N, C-alpha and C. Protein backbone atom coordinates (compact mmCIF):
# COMPACT_ATOMS: atom_id res chain seq x y z
N MET A 1 -14.74 1.68 -2.47
CA MET A 1 -13.29 1.63 -2.55
C MET A 1 -12.70 0.94 -1.31
N ALA A 2 -11.40 1.03 -1.17
CA ALA A 2 -10.69 0.27 -0.15
C ALA A 2 -10.84 0.84 1.24
N GLY A 3 -11.02 2.14 1.34
CA GLY A 3 -11.14 2.74 2.67
C GLY A 3 -9.84 2.64 3.44
N ALA A 4 -9.88 2.09 4.62
CA ALA A 4 -8.70 2.06 5.49
C ALA A 4 -7.79 0.86 5.23
N ALA A 5 -7.95 0.20 4.11
CA ALA A 5 -7.11 -0.97 3.82
C ALA A 5 -5.67 -0.55 3.53
N ASN A 6 -4.76 -1.47 3.78
CA ASN A 6 -3.36 -1.29 3.44
C ASN A 6 -3.15 -1.64 1.98
N PHE A 7 -2.18 -0.99 1.36
CA PHE A 7 -1.76 -1.38 0.01
C PHE A 7 -0.42 -2.09 0.15
N LEU A 8 -0.29 -3.26 -0.45
CA LEU A 8 0.96 -4.02 -0.39
C LEU A 8 1.70 -3.90 -1.71
N ASP A 9 2.93 -3.43 -1.63
CA ASP A 9 3.78 -3.29 -2.80
C ASP A 9 4.33 -4.65 -3.22
N THR A 10 4.86 -4.71 -4.41
CA THR A 10 5.36 -5.96 -4.98
C THR A 10 6.37 -6.65 -4.08
N ASN A 11 7.31 -5.89 -3.52
CA ASN A 11 8.36 -6.53 -2.72
C ASN A 11 7.79 -7.26 -1.51
N ILE A 12 6.72 -6.76 -0.95
CA ILE A 12 6.08 -7.44 0.18
C ILE A 12 5.55 -8.80 -0.29
N LEU A 13 4.88 -8.81 -1.44
CA LEU A 13 4.34 -10.06 -1.97
C LEU A 13 5.45 -11.06 -2.29
N VAL A 14 6.54 -10.58 -2.83
CA VAL A 14 7.66 -11.48 -3.17
C VAL A 14 8.19 -12.16 -1.91
N TYR A 15 8.35 -11.41 -0.83
CA TYR A 15 8.85 -12.02 0.41
C TYR A 15 7.93 -13.11 0.95
N THR A 16 6.63 -13.02 0.67
CA THR A 16 5.71 -14.02 1.21
C THR A 16 5.95 -15.41 0.65
N VAL A 17 6.63 -15.51 -0.48
CA VAL A 17 6.87 -16.83 -1.10
C VAL A 17 8.32 -17.27 -0.97
N THR A 18 9.06 -16.63 -0.07
CA THR A 18 10.47 -16.97 0.14
C THR A 18 10.69 -17.47 1.57
N GLU A 19 11.91 -17.85 1.82
CA GLU A 19 12.33 -18.21 3.18
C GLU A 19 13.21 -17.11 3.78
N ASP A 20 13.17 -15.94 3.18
CA ASP A 20 13.91 -14.78 3.66
C ASP A 20 13.50 -14.46 5.09
N ARG A 21 14.39 -13.84 5.84
CA ARG A 21 14.10 -13.47 7.23
C ARG A 21 12.91 -12.52 7.33
N ARG A 22 12.60 -11.80 6.26
CA ARG A 22 11.47 -10.87 6.24
C ARG A 22 10.14 -11.55 5.90
N ALA A 23 10.19 -12.79 5.47
CA ALA A 23 8.98 -13.50 5.02
C ALA A 23 7.89 -13.58 6.09
N PRO A 24 8.20 -13.96 7.33
CA PRO A 24 7.11 -14.04 8.33
C PRO A 24 6.40 -12.70 8.54
N HIS A 25 7.16 -11.63 8.54
CA HIS A 25 6.55 -10.31 8.73
C HIS A 25 5.69 -9.95 7.51
N ALA A 26 6.20 -10.23 6.32
CA ALA A 26 5.43 -9.96 5.10
C ALA A 26 4.14 -10.77 5.10
N ARG A 27 4.21 -12.03 5.47
CA ARG A 27 3.01 -12.87 5.53
C ARG A 27 2.02 -12.35 6.57
N GLY A 28 2.54 -11.80 7.65
CA GLY A 28 1.69 -11.25 8.70
C GLY A 28 0.83 -10.09 8.22
N LEU A 29 1.28 -9.38 7.19
CA LEU A 29 0.49 -8.27 6.66
C LEU A 29 -0.78 -8.76 5.97
N PHE A 30 -0.85 -10.04 5.64
CA PHE A 30 -2.05 -10.62 5.05
C PHE A 30 -3.18 -10.74 6.07
N GLU A 31 -2.87 -10.59 7.35
CA GLU A 31 -3.88 -10.72 8.40
C GLU A 31 -4.77 -9.48 8.53
N PHE A 32 -4.37 -8.41 7.87
CA PHE A 32 -5.12 -7.16 7.93
C PHE A 32 -5.70 -6.89 6.54
N PRO A 33 -6.80 -6.15 6.45
CA PRO A 33 -7.37 -5.87 5.13
C PRO A 33 -6.32 -5.18 4.24
N PHE A 34 -6.15 -5.71 3.04
CA PHE A 34 -5.19 -5.11 2.12
C PHE A 34 -5.74 -5.16 0.70
N VAL A 35 -5.15 -4.28 -0.11
CA VAL A 35 -5.45 -4.26 -1.53
C VAL A 35 -4.15 -4.31 -2.31
N VAL A 36 -4.24 -4.74 -3.54
CA VAL A 36 -3.13 -4.72 -4.48
C VAL A 36 -3.69 -4.21 -5.81
N SER A 37 -2.80 -3.92 -6.72
CA SER A 37 -3.25 -3.53 -8.05
C SER A 37 -2.88 -4.64 -9.04
N VAL A 38 -3.49 -4.58 -10.19
CA VAL A 38 -3.13 -5.52 -11.25
C VAL A 38 -1.65 -5.37 -11.57
N GLN A 39 -1.15 -4.14 -11.54
CA GLN A 39 0.27 -3.91 -11.78
C GLN A 39 1.13 -4.65 -10.75
N THR A 40 0.70 -4.65 -9.50
CA THR A 40 1.44 -5.35 -8.44
C THR A 40 1.52 -6.84 -8.77
N LEU A 41 0.41 -7.41 -9.20
CA LEU A 41 0.39 -8.83 -9.57
C LEU A 41 1.31 -9.10 -10.75
N ASN A 42 1.31 -8.21 -11.73
CA ASN A 42 2.18 -8.38 -12.89
C ASN A 42 3.65 -8.30 -12.50
N GLU A 43 3.98 -7.33 -11.66
CA GLU A 43 5.36 -7.21 -11.19
C GLU A 43 5.76 -8.42 -10.35
N PHE A 44 4.83 -8.91 -9.54
CA PHE A 44 5.10 -10.11 -8.74
C PHE A 44 5.42 -11.28 -9.67
N ALA A 45 4.61 -11.49 -10.69
CA ALA A 45 4.84 -12.61 -11.62
C ALA A 45 6.22 -12.48 -12.27
N ASN A 46 6.58 -11.29 -12.67
CA ASN A 46 7.88 -11.07 -13.30
C ASN A 46 9.03 -11.35 -12.33
N ALA A 47 8.94 -10.82 -11.10
CA ALA A 47 10.00 -11.04 -10.11
C ALA A 47 10.08 -12.50 -9.68
N ALA A 48 8.93 -13.14 -9.51
CA ALA A 48 8.92 -14.55 -9.11
C ALA A 48 9.59 -15.41 -10.16
N ARG A 49 9.36 -15.11 -11.41
CA ARG A 49 9.95 -15.90 -12.49
C ARG A 49 11.44 -15.60 -12.66
N LYS A 50 11.79 -14.31 -12.73
CA LYS A 50 13.17 -13.93 -13.02
C LYS A 50 14.09 -14.06 -11.81
N LYS A 51 13.67 -13.53 -10.66
CA LYS A 51 14.54 -13.51 -9.49
C LYS A 51 14.47 -14.80 -8.68
N LEU A 52 13.27 -15.33 -8.52
CA LEU A 52 13.10 -16.52 -7.69
C LEU A 52 13.10 -17.82 -8.48
N LYS A 53 13.06 -17.69 -9.82
CA LYS A 53 13.07 -18.87 -10.70
C LYS A 53 11.90 -19.82 -10.41
N MET A 54 10.76 -19.25 -10.02
CA MET A 54 9.59 -20.06 -9.73
C MET A 54 8.98 -20.61 -11.02
N PRO A 55 8.50 -21.85 -10.98
CA PRO A 55 7.77 -22.38 -12.14
C PRO A 55 6.47 -21.59 -12.34
N TRP A 56 6.00 -21.53 -13.59
CA TRP A 56 4.79 -20.77 -13.89
C TRP A 56 3.60 -21.22 -13.04
N GLN A 57 3.45 -22.52 -12.86
CA GLN A 57 2.29 -23.00 -12.10
C GLN A 57 2.34 -22.52 -10.64
N ASP A 58 3.53 -22.47 -10.05
CA ASP A 58 3.67 -21.94 -8.69
C ASP A 58 3.33 -20.45 -8.63
N ILE A 59 3.68 -19.73 -9.70
CA ILE A 59 3.34 -18.30 -9.76
C ILE A 59 1.83 -18.14 -9.83
N VAL A 60 1.18 -18.93 -10.65
CA VAL A 60 -0.28 -18.88 -10.76
C VAL A 60 -0.91 -19.16 -9.39
N GLU A 61 -0.44 -20.18 -8.71
CA GLU A 61 -1.00 -20.53 -7.40
C GLU A 61 -0.77 -19.42 -6.38
N ALA A 62 0.42 -18.81 -6.40
CA ALA A 62 0.70 -17.71 -5.47
C ALA A 62 -0.21 -16.52 -5.75
N ILE A 63 -0.42 -16.20 -7.01
CA ILE A 63 -1.30 -15.08 -7.35
C ILE A 63 -2.74 -15.39 -6.93
N GLU A 64 -3.16 -16.62 -7.09
CA GLU A 64 -4.51 -16.99 -6.64
C GLU A 64 -4.67 -16.81 -5.13
N VAL A 65 -3.63 -17.14 -4.36
CA VAL A 65 -3.66 -16.94 -2.91
C VAL A 65 -3.74 -15.45 -2.59
N ILE A 66 -2.91 -14.65 -3.26
CA ILE A 66 -2.91 -13.20 -3.02
C ILE A 66 -4.28 -12.60 -3.33
N VAL A 67 -4.81 -12.94 -4.50
CA VAL A 67 -6.11 -12.40 -4.92
C VAL A 67 -7.21 -12.85 -3.95
N GLY A 68 -7.14 -14.09 -3.50
CA GLY A 68 -8.13 -14.59 -2.56
C GLY A 68 -8.08 -13.91 -1.21
N ALA A 69 -6.90 -13.48 -0.80
CA ALA A 69 -6.74 -12.82 0.50
C ALA A 69 -7.00 -11.32 0.43
N ALA A 70 -6.85 -10.73 -0.74
CA ALA A 70 -6.99 -9.27 -0.89
C ALA A 70 -8.45 -8.84 -0.78
N ARG A 71 -8.64 -7.67 -0.21
CA ARG A 71 -9.98 -7.08 -0.17
C ARG A 71 -10.39 -6.67 -1.58
N LEU A 72 -9.44 -6.09 -2.32
CA LEU A 72 -9.68 -5.65 -3.70
C LEU A 72 -8.42 -5.82 -4.52
N VAL A 73 -8.61 -6.02 -5.82
CA VAL A 73 -7.53 -5.93 -6.79
C VAL A 73 -7.91 -4.78 -7.71
N LEU A 74 -7.09 -3.75 -7.70
CA LEU A 74 -7.42 -2.50 -8.38
C LEU A 74 -6.80 -2.41 -9.77
N SER A 75 -7.54 -1.86 -10.69
CA SER A 75 -7.03 -1.60 -12.04
C SER A 75 -6.49 -0.19 -12.10
N ILE A 76 -5.72 0.07 -13.13
CA ILE A 76 -5.19 1.41 -13.38
C ILE A 76 -5.86 1.93 -14.64
N ASP A 77 -6.45 3.12 -14.53
CA ASP A 77 -7.10 3.72 -15.70
C ASP A 77 -6.30 4.95 -16.14
N GLU A 78 -6.80 5.62 -17.18
CA GLU A 78 -6.07 6.77 -17.73
C GLU A 78 -5.96 7.92 -16.73
N LYS A 79 -6.96 8.13 -15.88
CA LYS A 79 -6.90 9.18 -14.86
C LYS A 79 -5.78 8.87 -13.86
N THR A 80 -5.66 7.61 -13.48
CA THR A 80 -4.60 7.21 -12.55
C THR A 80 -3.23 7.39 -13.18
N THR A 81 -3.13 7.11 -14.47
CA THR A 81 -1.85 7.30 -15.17
C THR A 81 -1.42 8.76 -15.11
N LEU A 82 -2.33 9.68 -15.34
CA LEU A 82 -2.00 11.11 -15.27
C LEU A 82 -1.66 11.53 -13.84
N PHE A 83 -2.37 10.98 -12.87
CA PHE A 83 -2.08 11.22 -11.45
C PHE A 83 -0.68 10.69 -11.12
N ALA A 84 -0.32 9.55 -11.68
CA ALA A 84 0.99 8.95 -11.45
C ALA A 84 2.11 9.85 -11.98
N ILE A 85 1.90 10.46 -13.12
CA ILE A 85 2.91 11.37 -13.66
C ILE A 85 3.13 12.53 -12.70
N GLU A 86 2.05 13.05 -12.15
CA GLU A 86 2.15 14.12 -11.16
C GLU A 86 2.96 13.66 -9.94
N PHE A 87 2.68 12.45 -9.44
CA PHE A 87 3.41 11.92 -8.29
C PHE A 87 4.88 11.66 -8.61
N ALA A 88 5.15 11.18 -9.80
CA ALA A 88 6.54 10.93 -10.20
C ALA A 88 7.34 12.22 -10.14
N GLN A 89 6.73 13.30 -10.61
CA GLN A 89 7.40 14.59 -10.58
C GLN A 89 7.52 15.14 -9.16
N ARG A 90 6.43 15.09 -8.41
CA ARG A 90 6.40 15.70 -7.08
C ARG A 90 7.28 14.96 -6.08
N TYR A 91 7.24 13.63 -6.10
CA TYR A 91 7.93 12.84 -5.08
C TYR A 91 9.19 12.15 -5.59
N ASN A 92 9.52 12.37 -6.85
CA ASN A 92 10.69 11.76 -7.46
C ASN A 92 10.61 10.23 -7.43
N PHE A 93 9.41 9.69 -7.63
CA PHE A 93 9.21 8.25 -7.74
C PHE A 93 9.48 7.82 -9.17
N SER A 94 9.82 6.55 -9.36
CA SER A 94 9.82 6.01 -10.72
C SER A 94 8.36 6.02 -11.18
N PHE A 95 8.15 6.01 -12.48
CA PHE A 95 6.77 6.06 -12.97
C PHE A 95 5.96 4.87 -12.45
N TYR A 96 6.53 3.67 -12.48
CA TYR A 96 5.76 2.49 -12.07
C TYR A 96 5.43 2.51 -10.58
N ASP A 97 6.36 2.99 -9.75
CA ASP A 97 6.04 3.16 -8.33
C ASP A 97 4.94 4.22 -8.16
N ALA A 98 5.06 5.31 -8.90
CA ALA A 98 4.06 6.37 -8.82
C ALA A 98 2.68 5.87 -9.24
N ALA A 99 2.64 4.98 -10.22
CA ALA A 99 1.35 4.44 -10.67
C ALA A 99 0.68 3.63 -9.56
N MET A 100 1.47 2.86 -8.83
CA MET A 100 0.87 2.08 -7.74
C MET A 100 0.47 2.99 -6.58
N VAL A 101 1.29 3.98 -6.28
CA VAL A 101 0.93 4.93 -5.21
C VAL A 101 -0.35 5.67 -5.59
N ALA A 102 -0.46 6.11 -6.82
CA ALA A 102 -1.66 6.81 -7.27
C ALA A 102 -2.88 5.90 -7.17
N THR A 103 -2.72 4.65 -7.52
CA THR A 103 -3.82 3.69 -7.42
C THR A 103 -4.27 3.55 -5.97
N ALA A 104 -3.30 3.44 -5.06
CA ALA A 104 -3.61 3.30 -3.64
C ALA A 104 -4.30 4.54 -3.09
N VAL A 105 -3.83 5.71 -3.46
CA VAL A 105 -4.45 6.96 -3.00
C VAL A 105 -5.88 7.04 -3.53
N ASN A 106 -6.07 6.76 -4.80
CA ASN A 106 -7.41 6.81 -5.39
C ASN A 106 -8.38 5.85 -4.70
N ALA A 107 -7.85 4.74 -4.19
CA ALA A 107 -8.69 3.75 -3.52
C ALA A 107 -8.97 4.10 -2.07
N GLY A 108 -8.33 5.15 -1.56
CA GLY A 108 -8.55 5.56 -0.18
C GLY A 108 -7.70 4.83 0.83
N CYS A 109 -6.64 4.19 0.39
CA CYS A 109 -5.76 3.48 1.34
C CYS A 109 -5.08 4.48 2.27
N THR A 110 -4.82 4.04 3.49
CA THR A 110 -4.16 4.91 4.47
C THR A 110 -2.72 4.51 4.74
N ARG A 111 -2.35 3.28 4.38
CA ARG A 111 -0.98 2.80 4.56
C ARG A 111 -0.53 2.09 3.28
N TYR A 112 0.70 2.37 2.89
CA TYR A 112 1.30 1.75 1.71
C TYR A 112 2.57 1.06 2.17
N TYR A 113 2.55 -0.26 2.22
CA TYR A 113 3.71 -1.01 2.71
C TYR A 113 4.66 -1.32 1.57
N SER A 114 5.90 -0.83 1.71
CA SER A 114 6.92 -1.04 0.69
C SER A 114 8.30 -0.93 1.32
N GLU A 115 9.18 -1.76 0.85
CA GLU A 115 10.57 -1.68 1.29
C GLU A 115 11.34 -0.66 0.45
N ASP A 116 10.79 -0.28 -0.68
CA ASP A 116 11.54 0.50 -1.67
C ASP A 116 11.28 2.00 -1.67
N LEU A 117 10.23 2.46 -1.04
CA LEU A 117 9.90 3.89 -1.12
C LEU A 117 10.31 4.62 0.16
N HIS A 118 9.97 5.89 0.24
CA HIS A 118 10.42 6.77 1.32
C HIS A 118 9.63 6.53 2.59
N HIS A 119 10.21 5.77 3.54
CA HIS A 119 9.54 5.46 4.81
C HIS A 119 9.10 6.74 5.51
N GLY A 120 7.85 6.78 5.91
CA GLY A 120 7.31 7.90 6.66
C GLY A 120 6.71 9.00 5.80
N LEU A 121 6.90 8.95 4.49
CA LEU A 121 6.34 9.96 3.61
C LEU A 121 4.81 9.88 3.63
N VAL A 122 4.17 11.01 3.80
CA VAL A 122 2.70 11.07 3.75
C VAL A 122 2.32 11.65 2.39
N VAL A 123 1.53 10.89 1.66
CA VAL A 123 1.12 11.27 0.31
C VAL A 123 -0.31 11.78 0.35
N GLU A 124 -0.51 12.98 -0.19
CA GLU A 124 -1.82 13.60 -0.27
C GLU A 124 -2.51 13.72 1.09
N ARG A 125 -1.75 13.90 2.15
CA ARG A 125 -2.28 14.03 3.51
C ARG A 125 -3.22 12.87 3.87
N GLN A 126 -3.03 11.73 3.25
CA GLN A 126 -3.96 10.61 3.40
C GLN A 126 -3.26 9.29 3.69
N MET A 127 -2.16 9.04 3.00
CA MET A 127 -1.57 7.72 3.03
C MET A 127 -0.10 7.81 3.42
N THR A 128 0.30 6.99 4.39
CA THR A 128 1.68 6.96 4.85
C THR A 128 2.40 5.76 4.27
N ILE A 129 3.59 6.02 3.74
CA ILE A 129 4.42 4.92 3.22
C ILE A 129 5.20 4.35 4.39
N ILE A 130 5.12 3.03 4.54
CA ILE A 130 5.74 2.36 5.68
C ILE A 130 6.62 1.23 5.18
N ASN A 131 7.87 1.23 5.64
CA ASN A 131 8.76 0.09 5.41
C ASN A 131 8.57 -0.82 6.61
N PRO A 132 7.91 -1.96 6.45
CA PRO A 132 7.60 -2.80 7.60
C PRO A 132 8.80 -3.53 8.19
N PHE A 133 9.95 -3.41 7.54
CA PHE A 133 11.13 -4.14 8.00
C PHE A 133 12.12 -3.25 8.73
N ARG A 134 11.74 -2.02 8.98
CA ARG A 134 12.63 -1.08 9.70
C ARG A 134 12.60 -1.36 11.18
């Protein structure tokens, strides 16, 4: 599994392909071992197309860069889905956020970088959610 790798949430990946003031910091997170989930890649493709109006080929190229830089790309199975429901209830996460958090916990990640979740929250006494732009 991932061990001490960071998990990068969708919003971090989106900033890496923009000229936003947060982009350099988001790109800097690629310098450390990180993992993503298939769900993260799917959400990235959706946001890149809808919000950033990126052409499909640019989205494909960006995903190839992300996958090439990632230590692992994690799938979500039925056990993770049930774990996600538990997290959604316990931490008041949306289901899709809970699914990615559950995936990261199952992989042994110790840091979950996201702009959207509760900065400083420790999940399962193992993984800390960090907003890298604070």
